[in-house]
Amino acid sequence: MELDSECFGIISDYKQKGKLHPDFLPVTTYDMVQCGYPQDDHGEMIARDWGGTDGEGKLLPSNGMWCKVEDIRKLLSKHGLSLNAL
């Protein structure tokens, strides 16, 4: 998933200030949230771009349970790696 400009701006600000947590990954994760519409058991995937901040004000990595394979492929490719190399 491409970050929207607001999320990208927030992450960029923390990065410029040296306030990204050492475990921060530039990967959007997702959680399934039950919303009850149009049926009681219906859910939606909610994007999590970060997981808040720690006690030192550092931006924590996203804390969702799932991520998209395509996002992982893009991250690996950016660093000259591929799934085949693993």
PDB file of N, CA and C in Angstrom:
ATOM      1  N   MET A   1       0.852  -1.179   0.000  1.00  0.00           N
ATOM      2  CA  MET A   1       0.000   0.000   0.000  1.00  0.00           C
ATOM      3  C   MET A   1       0.891   1.234   0.000  1.00  0.00           C
ATOM      4  N   GLU A   2       0.549   2.170  -0.833  1.00  0.00           N
ATOM      5  CA  GLU A   2       1.260   3.428  -0.836  1.00  0.00           C
ATOM      6  C   GLU A   2       0.721   4.295   0.303  1.00  0.00           C
ATOM      7  N   LEU A   3       1.609   4.889   1.051  1.00  0.00           N
ATOM      8  CA  LEU A   3       1.194   5.770   2.136  1.00  0.00           C
ATOM      9  C   LEU A   3       0.552   7.022   1.565  1.00  0.00           C
ATOM     10  N   ASP A   4      -0.511   7.495   2.230  1.00  0.00           N
ATOM     11  CA  ASP A   4      -1.058   8.773   1.796  1.00  0.00           C
ATOM     12  C   ASP A   4      -0.105   9.879   2.244  1.00  0.00           C
ATOM     13  N   SER A   5      -0.297  11.076   1.718  1.00  0.00           N
ATOM     14  CA  SER A   5       0.665  12.159   1.969  1.00  0.00           C
ATOM     15  C   SER A   5       0.749  12.523   3.450  1.00  0.00           C
ATOM     16  N   GLU A   6      -0.360  12.439   4.188  1.00  0.00           N
ATOM     17  CA  GLU A   6      -0.322  12.769   5.615  1.00  0.00           C
ATOM     18  C   GLU A   6       0.542  11.771   6.386  1.00  0.00           C
ATOM     19  N   CYS A   7       0.344  10.473   6.151  1.00  0.00           N
ATOM     20  CA  CYS A   7       1.135   9.443   6.833  1.00  0.00           C
ATOM     21  C   CYS A   7       2.604   9.542   6.434  1.00  0.00           C
ATOM     22  N   PHE A   8       2.853   9.750   5.150  1.00  0.00           N
ATOM     23  CA  PHE A   8       4.221   9.884   4.678  1.00  0.00           C
ATOM     24  C   PHE A   8       4.897  11.075   5.346  1.00  0.00           C
ATOM     25  N   GLY A   9       4.166  12.180   5.471  1.00  0.00           N
ATOM     26  CA  GLY A   9       4.708  13.376   6.112  1.00  0.00           C
ATOM     27  C   GLY A   9       5.056  13.150   7.571  1.00  0.00           C
ATOM     28  N   ILE A  10       4.198  12.450   8.293  1.00  0.00           N
ATOM     29  CA  ILE A  10       4.448  12.169   9.714  1.00  0.00           C
ATOM     30  C   ILE A  10       5.699  11.313   9.874  1.00  0.00           C
ATOM     31  N   ILE A  11       5.793  10.251   9.092  1.00  0.00           N
ATOM     32  CA  ILE A  11       6.964   9.365   9.169  1.00  0.00           C
ATOM     33  C   ILE A  11       8.227  10.121   8.776  1.00  0.00           C
ATOM     34  N   SER A  12       8.145  10.939   7.733  1.00  0.00           N
ATOM     35  CA  SER A  12       9.305  11.727   7.288  1.00  0.00           C
ATOM     36  C   SER A  12       9.772  12.696   8.377  1.00  0.00           C
ATOM     37  N   ASP A  13       8.818  13.334   9.055  1.00  0.00           N
ATOM     38  CA  ASP A  13       9.180  14.259  10.141  1.00  0.00           C
ATOM     39  C   ASP A  13       9.939  13.536  11.247  1.00  0.00           C
ATOM     40  N   TYR A  14       9.440  12.377  11.661  1.00  0.00           N
ATOM     41  CA  TYR A  14      10.120  11.608  12.707  1.00  0.00           C
ATOM     42  C   TYR A  14      11.504  11.166  12.240  1.00  0.00           C
ATOM     43  N   LYS A  15      11.604  10.774  10.979  1.00  0.00           N
ATOM     44  CA  LYS A  15      12.889  10.329  10.436  1.00  0.00           C
ATOM     45  C   LYS A  15      13.901  11.479  10.434  1.00  0.00           C
ATOM     46  N   GLN A  16      13.471  12.659   9.980  1.00  0.00           N
ATOM     47  CA  GLN A  16      14.367  13.815   9.925  1.00  0.00           C
ATOM     48  C   GLN A  16      14.853  14.224  11.312  1.00  0.00           C
ATOM     49  N   LYS A  17      14.020  14.022  12.321  1.00  0.00           N
ATOM     50  CA  LYS A  17      14.386  14.376  13.690  1.00  0.00           C
ATOM     51  C   LYS A  17      15.151  13.259  14.395  1.00  0.00           C
ATOM     52  N   GLY A  18      15.408  12.138  13.671  1.00  0.00           N
ATOM     53  CA  GLY A  18      16.109  11.010  14.276  1.00  0.00           C
ATOM     54  C   GLY A  18      15.282  10.314  15.339  1.00  0.00           C
ATOM     55  N   LYS A  19      13.964  10.338  15.163  1.00  0.00           N
ATOM     56  CA  LYS A  19      13.058   9.796  16.178  1.00  0.00           C
ATOM     57  C   LYS A  19      12.318   8.545  15.710  1.00  0.00           C
ATOM     58  N   LEU A  20      12.887   7.797  14.758  1.00  0.00           N
ATOM     59  CA  LEU A  20      12.308   6.503  14.401  1.00  0.00           C
ATOM     60  C   LEU A  20      12.883   5.458  15.351  1.00  0.00           C
ATOM     61  N   HIS A  21      12.050   4.617  15.894  1.00  0.00           N
ATOM     62  CA  HIS A  21      12.502   3.530  16.761  1.00  0.00           C
ATOM     63  C   HIS A  21      13.430   2.627  15.952  1.00  0.00           C
ATOM     64  N   PRO A  22      14.460   2.048  16.562  1.00  0.00           N
ATOM     65  CA  PRO A  22      15.395   1.184  15.824  1.00  0.00           C
ATOM     66  C   PRO A  22      14.710   0.009  15.112  1.00  0.00           C
ATOM     67  N   ASP A  23      13.566  -0.434  15.613  1.00  0.00           N
ATOM     68  CA  ASP A  23      12.849  -1.546  14.982  1.00  0.00           C
ATOM     69  C   ASP A  23      11.835  -1.093  13.942  1.00  0.00           C
ATOM     70  N   PHE A  24      11.781   0.203  13.636  1.00  0.00           N
ATOM     71  CA  PHE A  24      10.777   0.710  12.690  1.00  0.00           C
ATOM     72  C   PHE A  24      11.004   0.120  11.305  1.00  0.00           C
ATOM     73  N   LEU A  25       9.931  -0.375  10.700  1.00  0.00           N
ATOM     74  CA  LEU A  25       9.966  -0.899   9.335  1.00  0.00           C
ATOM     75  C   LEU A  25       9.009  -0.080   8.474  1.00  0.00           C
ATOM     76  N   PRO A  26       9.406   0.251   7.256  1.00  0.00           N
ATOM     77  CA  PRO A  26       8.519   1.022   6.382  1.00  0.00           C
ATOM     78  C   PRO A  26       7.490   0.133   5.685  1.00  0.00           C
ATOM     79  N   VAL A  27       6.756  -0.632   6.471  1.00  0.00           N
ATOM     80  CA  VAL A  27       5.764  -1.557   5.922  1.00  0.00           C
ATOM     81  C   VAL A  27       4.430  -1.303   6.624  1.00  0.00           C
ATOM     82  N   THR A  28       3.401  -1.079   5.821  1.00  0.00           N
ATOM     83  CA  THR A  28       2.061  -0.934   6.379  1.00  0.00           C
ATOM     84  C   THR A  28       1.547  -2.316   6.755  1.00  0.00           C
ATOM     85  N   THR A  29       1.060  -2.457   7.972  1.00  0.00           N
ATOM     86  CA  THR A  29       0.433  -3.707   8.392  1.00  0.00           C
ATOM     87  C   THR A  29      -1.065  -3.462   8.538  1.00  0.00           C
ATOM     88  N   TYR A  30      -1.804  -4.552   8.675  1.00  0.00           N
ATOM     89  CA  TYR A  30      -3.262  -4.464   8.691  1.00  0.00           C
ATOM     90  C   TYR A  30      -3.833  -5.302   9.821  1.00  0.00           C
ATOM     91  N   ASP A  31      -4.957  -4.855  10.345  1.00  0.00           N
ATOM     92  CA  ASP A  31      -5.732  -5.621  11.317  1.00  0.00           C
ATOM     93  C   ASP A  31      -7.139  -5.788  10.771  1.00  0.00           C
ATOM     94  N   MET A  32      -7.754  -6.935  11.068  1.00  0.00           N
ATOM     95  CA  MET A  32      -9.148  -7.157  10.712  1.00  0.00           C
ATOM     96  C   MET A  32      -9.992  -6.639  11.868  1.00  0.00           C
ATOM     97  N   VAL A  33     -10.894  -5.724  11.556  1.00  0.00           N
ATOM     98  CA  VAL A  33     -11.750  -5.126  12.562  1.00  0.00           C
ATOM     99  C   VAL A  33     -13.192  -5.455  12.214  1.00  0.00           C
ATOM    100  N   GLN A  34     -13.917  -6.021  13.174  1.00  0.00           N
ATOM    101  CA  GLN A  34     -15.318  -6.357  12.937  1.00  0.00           C
ATOM    102  C   GLN A  34     -16.138  -5.079  12.971  1.00  0.00           C
ATOM    103  N   CYS A  35     -16.895  -4.831  11.883  1.00  0.00           N
ATOM    104  CA  CYS A  35     -17.658  -3.592  11.827  1.00  0.00           C
ATOM    105  C   CYS A  35     -19.170  -3.829  11.851  1.00  0.00           C
ATOM    106  N   GLY A  36     -19.619  -5.060  11.621  1.00  0.00           N
ATOM    107  CA  GLY A  36     -21.039  -5.372  11.739  1.00  0.00           C
ATOM    108  C   GLY A  36     -21.915  -4.874  10.608  1.00  0.00           C
ATOM    109  N   TYR A  37     -21.328  -4.391   9.536  1.00  0.00           N
ATOM    110  CA  TYR A  37     -22.130  -3.928   8.411  1.00  0.00           C
ATOM    111  C   TYR A  37     -21.572  -4.491   7.132  1.00  0.00           C
ATOM    112  N   PRO A  38     -22.261  -5.045   6.245  1.00  0.00           N
ATOM    113  CA  PRO A  38     -23.716  -5.189   6.190  1.00  0.00           C
ATOM    114  C   PRO A  38     -24.244  -6.398   6.975  1.00  0.00           C
ATOM    115  N   GLN A  39     -23.349  -7.283   7.430  1.00  0.00           N
ATOM    116  CA  GLN A  39     -23.776  -8.402   8.266  1.00  0.00           C
ATOM    117  C   GLN A  39     -23.023  -8.357   9.583  1.00  0.00           C
ATOM    118  N   ASP A  40     -23.558  -9.087  10.569  1.00  0.00           N
ATOM    119  CA  ASP A  40     -22.946  -9.090  11.901  1.00  0.00           C
ATOM    120  C   ASP A  40     -21.496  -9.533  11.896  1.00  0.00           C
ATOM    121  N   ASP A  41     -21.139 -10.460  10.989  1.00  0.00           N
ATOM    122  CA  ASP A  41     -19.786 -11.018  10.999  1.00  0.00           C
ATOM    123  C   ASP A  41     -18.865 -10.351   9.980  1.00  0.00           C
ATOM    124  N   HIS A  42     -19.245  -9.209   9.435  1.00  0.00           N
ATOM    125  CA  HIS A  42     -18.442  -8.524   8.431  1.00  0.00           C
ATOM    126  C   HIS A  42     -17.292  -7.753   9.081  1.00  0.00           C
ATOM    127  N   GLY A  43     -16.142  -7.820   8.453  1.00  0.00           N
ATOM    128  CA  GLY A  43     -14.985  -7.084   8.958  1.00  0.00           C
ATOM    129  C   GLY A  43     -14.292  -6.335   7.845  1.00  0.00           C
ATOM    130  N   GLU A  44     -13.429  -5.431   8.224  1.00  0.00           N
ATOM    131  CA  GLU A  44     -12.647  -4.653   7.272  1.00  0.00           C
ATOM    132  C   GLU A  44     -11.186  -4.658   7.701  1.00  0.00           C
ATOM    133  N   MET A  45     -10.306  -4.583   6.707  1.00  0.00           N
ATOM    134  CA  MET A  45      -8.884  -4.491   6.991  1.00  0.00           C
ATOM    135  C   MET A  45      -8.539  -3.024   7.226  1.00  0.00           C
ATOM    136  N   ILE A  46      -7.962  -2.733   8.377  1.00  0.00           N
ATOM    137  CA  ILE A  46      -7.587  -1.381   8.746  1.00  0.00           C
ATOM    138  C   ILE A  46      -6.061  -1.255   8.693  1.00  0.00           C
ATOM    139  N   ALA A  47      -5.583  -0.276   7.951  1.00  0.00           N
ATOM    140  CA  ALA A  47      -4.137  -0.081   7.792  1.00  0.00           C
ATOM    141  C   ALA A  47      -3.535   0.519   9.062  1.00  0.00           C
ATOM    142  N   ARG A  48      -2.350   0.021   9.402  1.00  0.00           N
ATOM    143  CA  ARG A  48      -1.583   0.552  10.532  1.00  0.00           C
ATOM    144  C   ARG A  48      -0.208   0.947   9.991  1.00  0.00           C
ATOM    145  N   ASP A  49       0.061   2.238   9.914  1.00  0.00           N
ATOM    146  CA  ASP A  49       1.341   2.705   9.361  1.00  0.00           C
ATOM    147  C   ASP A  49       2.420   2.842  10.426  1.00  0.00           C
ATOM    148  N   TRP A  50       2.016   2.957  11.675  1.00  0.00           N
ATOM    149  CA  TRP A  50       2.941   3.007  12.806  1.00  0.00           C
ATOM    150  C   TRP A  50       2.185   2.586  14.044  1.00  0.00           C
ATOM    151  N   GLY A  51       2.904   2.352  15.130  1.00  0.00           N
ATOM    152  CA  GLY A  51       2.288   1.861  16.352  1.00  0.00           C
ATOM    153  C   GLY A  51       2.360   2.824  17.513  1.00  0.00           C
ATOM    154  N   GLY A  52       2.314   4.118  17.241  1.00  0.00           N
ATOM    155  CA  GLY A  52       2.404   5.112  18.311  1.00  0.00           C
ATOM    156  C   GLY A  52       3.849   5.482  18.585  1.00  0.00           C
ATOM    157  N   THR A  53       4.093   6.002  19.782  1.00  0.00           N
ATOM    158  CA  THR A  53       5.455   6.379  20.165  1.00  0.00           C
ATOM    159  C   THR A  53       5.804   5.729  21.498  1.00  0.00           C
ATOM    160  N   ASP A  54       7.095   5.582  21.730  1.00  0.00           N
ATOM    161  CA  ASP A  54       7.544   5.030  23.006  1.00  0.00           C
ATOM    162  C   ASP A  54       7.774   6.160  24.014  1.00  0.00           C
ATOM    163  N   GLY A  55       8.305   5.834  25.170  1.00  0.00           N
ATOM    164  CA  GLY A  55       8.536   6.815  26.225  1.00  0.00           C
ATOM    165  C   GLY A  55       9.535   7.895  25.853  1.00  0.00           C
ATOM    166  N   GLU A  56      10.366   7.633  24.845  1.00  0.00           N
ATOM    167  CA  GLU A  56      11.350   8.619  24.390  1.00  0.00           C
ATOM    168  C   GLU A  56      10.840   9.422  23.194  1.00  0.00           C
ATOM    169  N   GLY A  57       9.578   9.217  22.826  1.00  0.00           N
ATOM    170  CA  GLY A  57       8.999   9.940  21.696  1.00  0.00           C
ATOM    171  C   GLY A  57       9.399   9.403  20.346  1.00  0.00           C
ATOM    172  N   LYS A  58       9.930   8.174  20.291  1.00  0.00           N
ATOM    173  CA  LYS A  58      10.319   7.566  19.018  1.00  0.00           C
ATOM    174  C   LYS A  58       9.131   6.844  18.403  1.00  0.00           C
ATOM    175  N   LEU A  59       8.981   6.993  17.083  1.00  0.00           N
ATOM    176  CA  LEU A  59       7.872   6.377  16.355  1.00  0.00           C
ATOM    177  C   LEU A  59       8.067   4.870  16.277  1.00  0.00           C
ATOM    178  N   LEU A  60       7.095   4.132  16.783  1.00  0.00           N
ATOM    179  CA  LEU A  60       7.169   2.668  16.829  1.00  0.00           C
ATOM    180  C   LEU A  60       6.715   2.055  15.511  1.00  0.00           C
ATOM    181  N   PRO A  61       7.188   0.832  15.209  1.00  0.00           N
ATOM    182  CA  PRO A  61       6.749   0.171  13.984  1.00  0.00           C
ATOM    183  C   PRO A  61       5.249  -0.121  14.028  1.00  0.00           C
ATOM    184  N   SER A  62       4.683  -0.291  12.839  1.00  0.00           N
ATOM    185  CA  SER A  62       3.259  -0.620  12.760  1.00  0.00           C
ATOM    186  C   SER A  62       3.001  -1.917  13.509  1.00  0.00           C
ATOM    187  N   ASN A  63       1.815  -2.037  14.072  1.00  0.00           N
ATOM    188  CA  ASN A  63       1.538  -3.158  14.960  1.00  0.00           C
ATOM    189  C   ASN A  63       0.370  -4.031  14.507  1.00  0.00           C
ATOM    190  N   GLY A  64       0.030  -3.977  13.228  1.00  0.00           N
ATOM    191  CA  GLY A  64      -1.020  -4.851  12.711  1.00  0.00           C
ATOM    192  C   GLY A  64      -0.529  -6.286  12.602  1.00  0.00           C
ATOM    193  N   MET A  65      -1.451  -7.203  12.398  1.00  0.00           N
ATOM    194  CA  MET A  65      -1.084  -8.623  12.346  1.00  0.00           C
ATOM    195  C   MET A  65      -0.713  -9.124  10.955  1.00  0.00           C
ATOM    196  N   TRP A  66      -1.125  -8.416   9.885  1.00  0.00           N
ATOM    197  CA  TRP A  66      -0.877  -8.891   8.525  1.00  0.00           C
ATOM    198  C   TRP A  66      -0.205  -7.818   7.701  1.00  0.00           C
ATOM    199  N   CYS A  67       0.482  -8.252   6.639  1.00  0.00           N
ATOM    200  CA  CYS A  67       1.026  -7.304   5.667  1.00  0.00           C
ATOM    201  C   CYS A  67       0.836  -7.905   4.279  1.00  0.00           C
ATOM    202  N   LYS A  68       0.969  -7.073   3.262  1.00  0.00           N
ATOM    203  CA  LYS A  68       0.797  -7.522   1.887  1.00  0.00           C
ATOM    204  C   LYS A  68       2.132  -8.033   1.352  1.00  0.00           C
ATOM    205  N   VAL A  69       2.088  -9.150   0.669  1.00  0.00           N
ATOM    206  CA  VAL A  69       3.299  -9.732   0.084  1.00  0.00           C
ATOM    207  C   VAL A  69       3.943  -8.737  -0.878  1.00  0.00           C
ATOM    208  N   GLU A  70       3.131  -8.027  -1.651  1.00  0.00           N
ATOM    209  CA  GLU A  70       3.670  -7.057  -2.605  1.00  0.00           C
ATOM    210  C   GLU A  70       4.474  -5.966  -1.898  1.00  0.00           C
ATOM    211  N   ASP A  71       4.029  -5.535  -0.717  1.00  0.00           N
ATOM    212  CA  ASP A  71       4.781  -4.529   0.042  1.00  0.00           C
ATOM    213  C   ASP A  71       6.138  -5.075   0.464  1.00  0.00           C
ATOM    214  N   ILE A  72       6.184  -6.339   0.847  1.00  0.00           N
ATOM    215  CA  ILE A  72       7.455  -6.957   1.250  1.00  0.00           C
ATOM    216  C   ILE A  72       8.369  -7.094   0.040  1.00  0.00           C
ATOM    217  N   ARG A  73       7.806  -7.465  -1.101  1.00  0.00           N
ATOM    218  CA  ARG A  73       8.619  -7.560  -2.323  1.00  0.00           C
ATOM    219  C   ARG A  73       9.237  -6.207  -2.671  1.00  0.00           C
ATOM    220  N   LYS A  74       8.461  -5.129  -2.561  1.00  0.00           N
ATOM    221  CA  LYS A  74       8.974  -3.787  -2.857  1.00  0.00           C
ATOM    222  C   LYS A  74      10.103  -3.413  -1.901  1.00  0.00           C
ATOM    223  N   LEU A  75       9.936  -3.720  -0.629  1.00  0.00           N
ATOM    224  CA  LEU A  75      10.965  -3.405   0.360  1.00  0.00           C
ATOM    225  C   LEU A  75      12.248  -4.180   0.075  1.00  0.00           C
ATOM    226  N   LEU A  76      12.111  -5.462  -0.219  1.00  0.00           N
ATOM    227  CA  LEU A  76      13.292  -6.271  -0.530  1.00  0.00           C
ATOM    228  C   LEU A  76      13.985  -5.766  -1.792  1.00  0.00           C
ATOM    229  N   SER A  77      13.193  -5.459  -2.811  1.00  0.00           N
ATOM    230  CA  SER A  77      13.746  -4.968  -4.066  1.00  0.00           C
ATOM    231  C   SER A  77      14.498  -3.658  -3.864  1.00  0.00           C
ATOM    232  N   LYS A  78      13.962  -2.789  -3.029  1.00  0.00           N
ATOM    233  CA  LYS A  78      14.605  -1.500  -2.723  1.00  0.00           C
ATOM    234  C   LYS A  78      15.997  -1.723  -2.161  1.00  0.00           C
ATOM    235  N   HIS A  79      16.208  -2.831  -1.465  1.00  0.00           N
ATOM    236  CA  HIS A  79      17.495  -3.127  -0.849  1.00  0.00           C
ATOM    237  C   HIS A  79      18.285  -4.178  -1.635  1.00  0.00           C
ATOM    238  N   GLY A  80      17.863  -4.412  -2.885  1.00  0.00           N
ATOM    239  CA  GLY A  80      18.589  -5.332  -3.752  1.00  0.00           C
ATOM    240  C   GLY A  80      18.433  -6.794  -3.393  1.00  0.00           C
ATOM    241  N   LEU A  81      17.358  -7.151  -2.717  1.00  0.00           N
ATOM    242  CA  LEU A  81      17.084  -8.532  -2.324  1.00  0.00           C
ATOM    243  C   LEU A  81      15.835  -9.035  -3.044  1.00  0.00           C
ATOM    244  N   SER A  82      15.639 -10.340  -3.030  1.00  0.00           N
ATOM    245  CA  SER A  82      14.405 -10.915  -3.592  1.00  0.00           C
ATOM    246  C   SER A  82      13.976 -12.082  -2.728  1.00  0.00           C
ATOM    247  N   LEU A  83      12.734 -12.492  -2.896  1.00  0.00           N
ATOM    248  CA  LEU A  83      12.234 -13.641  -2.129  1.00  0.00           C
ATOM    249  C   LEU A  83      12.984 -14.908  -2.524  1.00  0.00           C
ATOM    250  N   ASN A  84      13.449 -14.999  -3.753  1.00  0.00           N
ATOM    251  CA  ASN A  84      14.191 -16.174  -4.220  1.00  0.00           C
ATOM    252  C   ASN A  84      15.539 -16.304  -3.506  1.00  0.00           C
ATOM    253  N   ALA A  85      16.138 -15.168  -3.113  1.00  0.00           N
ATOM    254  CA  ALA A  85      17.441 -15.185  -2.465  1.00  0.00           C
ATOM    255  C   ALA A  85      17.355 -15.661  -1.022  1.00  0.00           C
ATOM    256  N   LEU A  86      16.141 -15.660  -0.466  1.00  0.00           N
ATOM    257  CA  LEU A  86      15.976 -16.061   0.929  1.00  0.00           C
ATOM    258  C   LEU A  86      15.861 -17.531   0.962  1.00  0.00           C
TER     259      LEU A  86
END
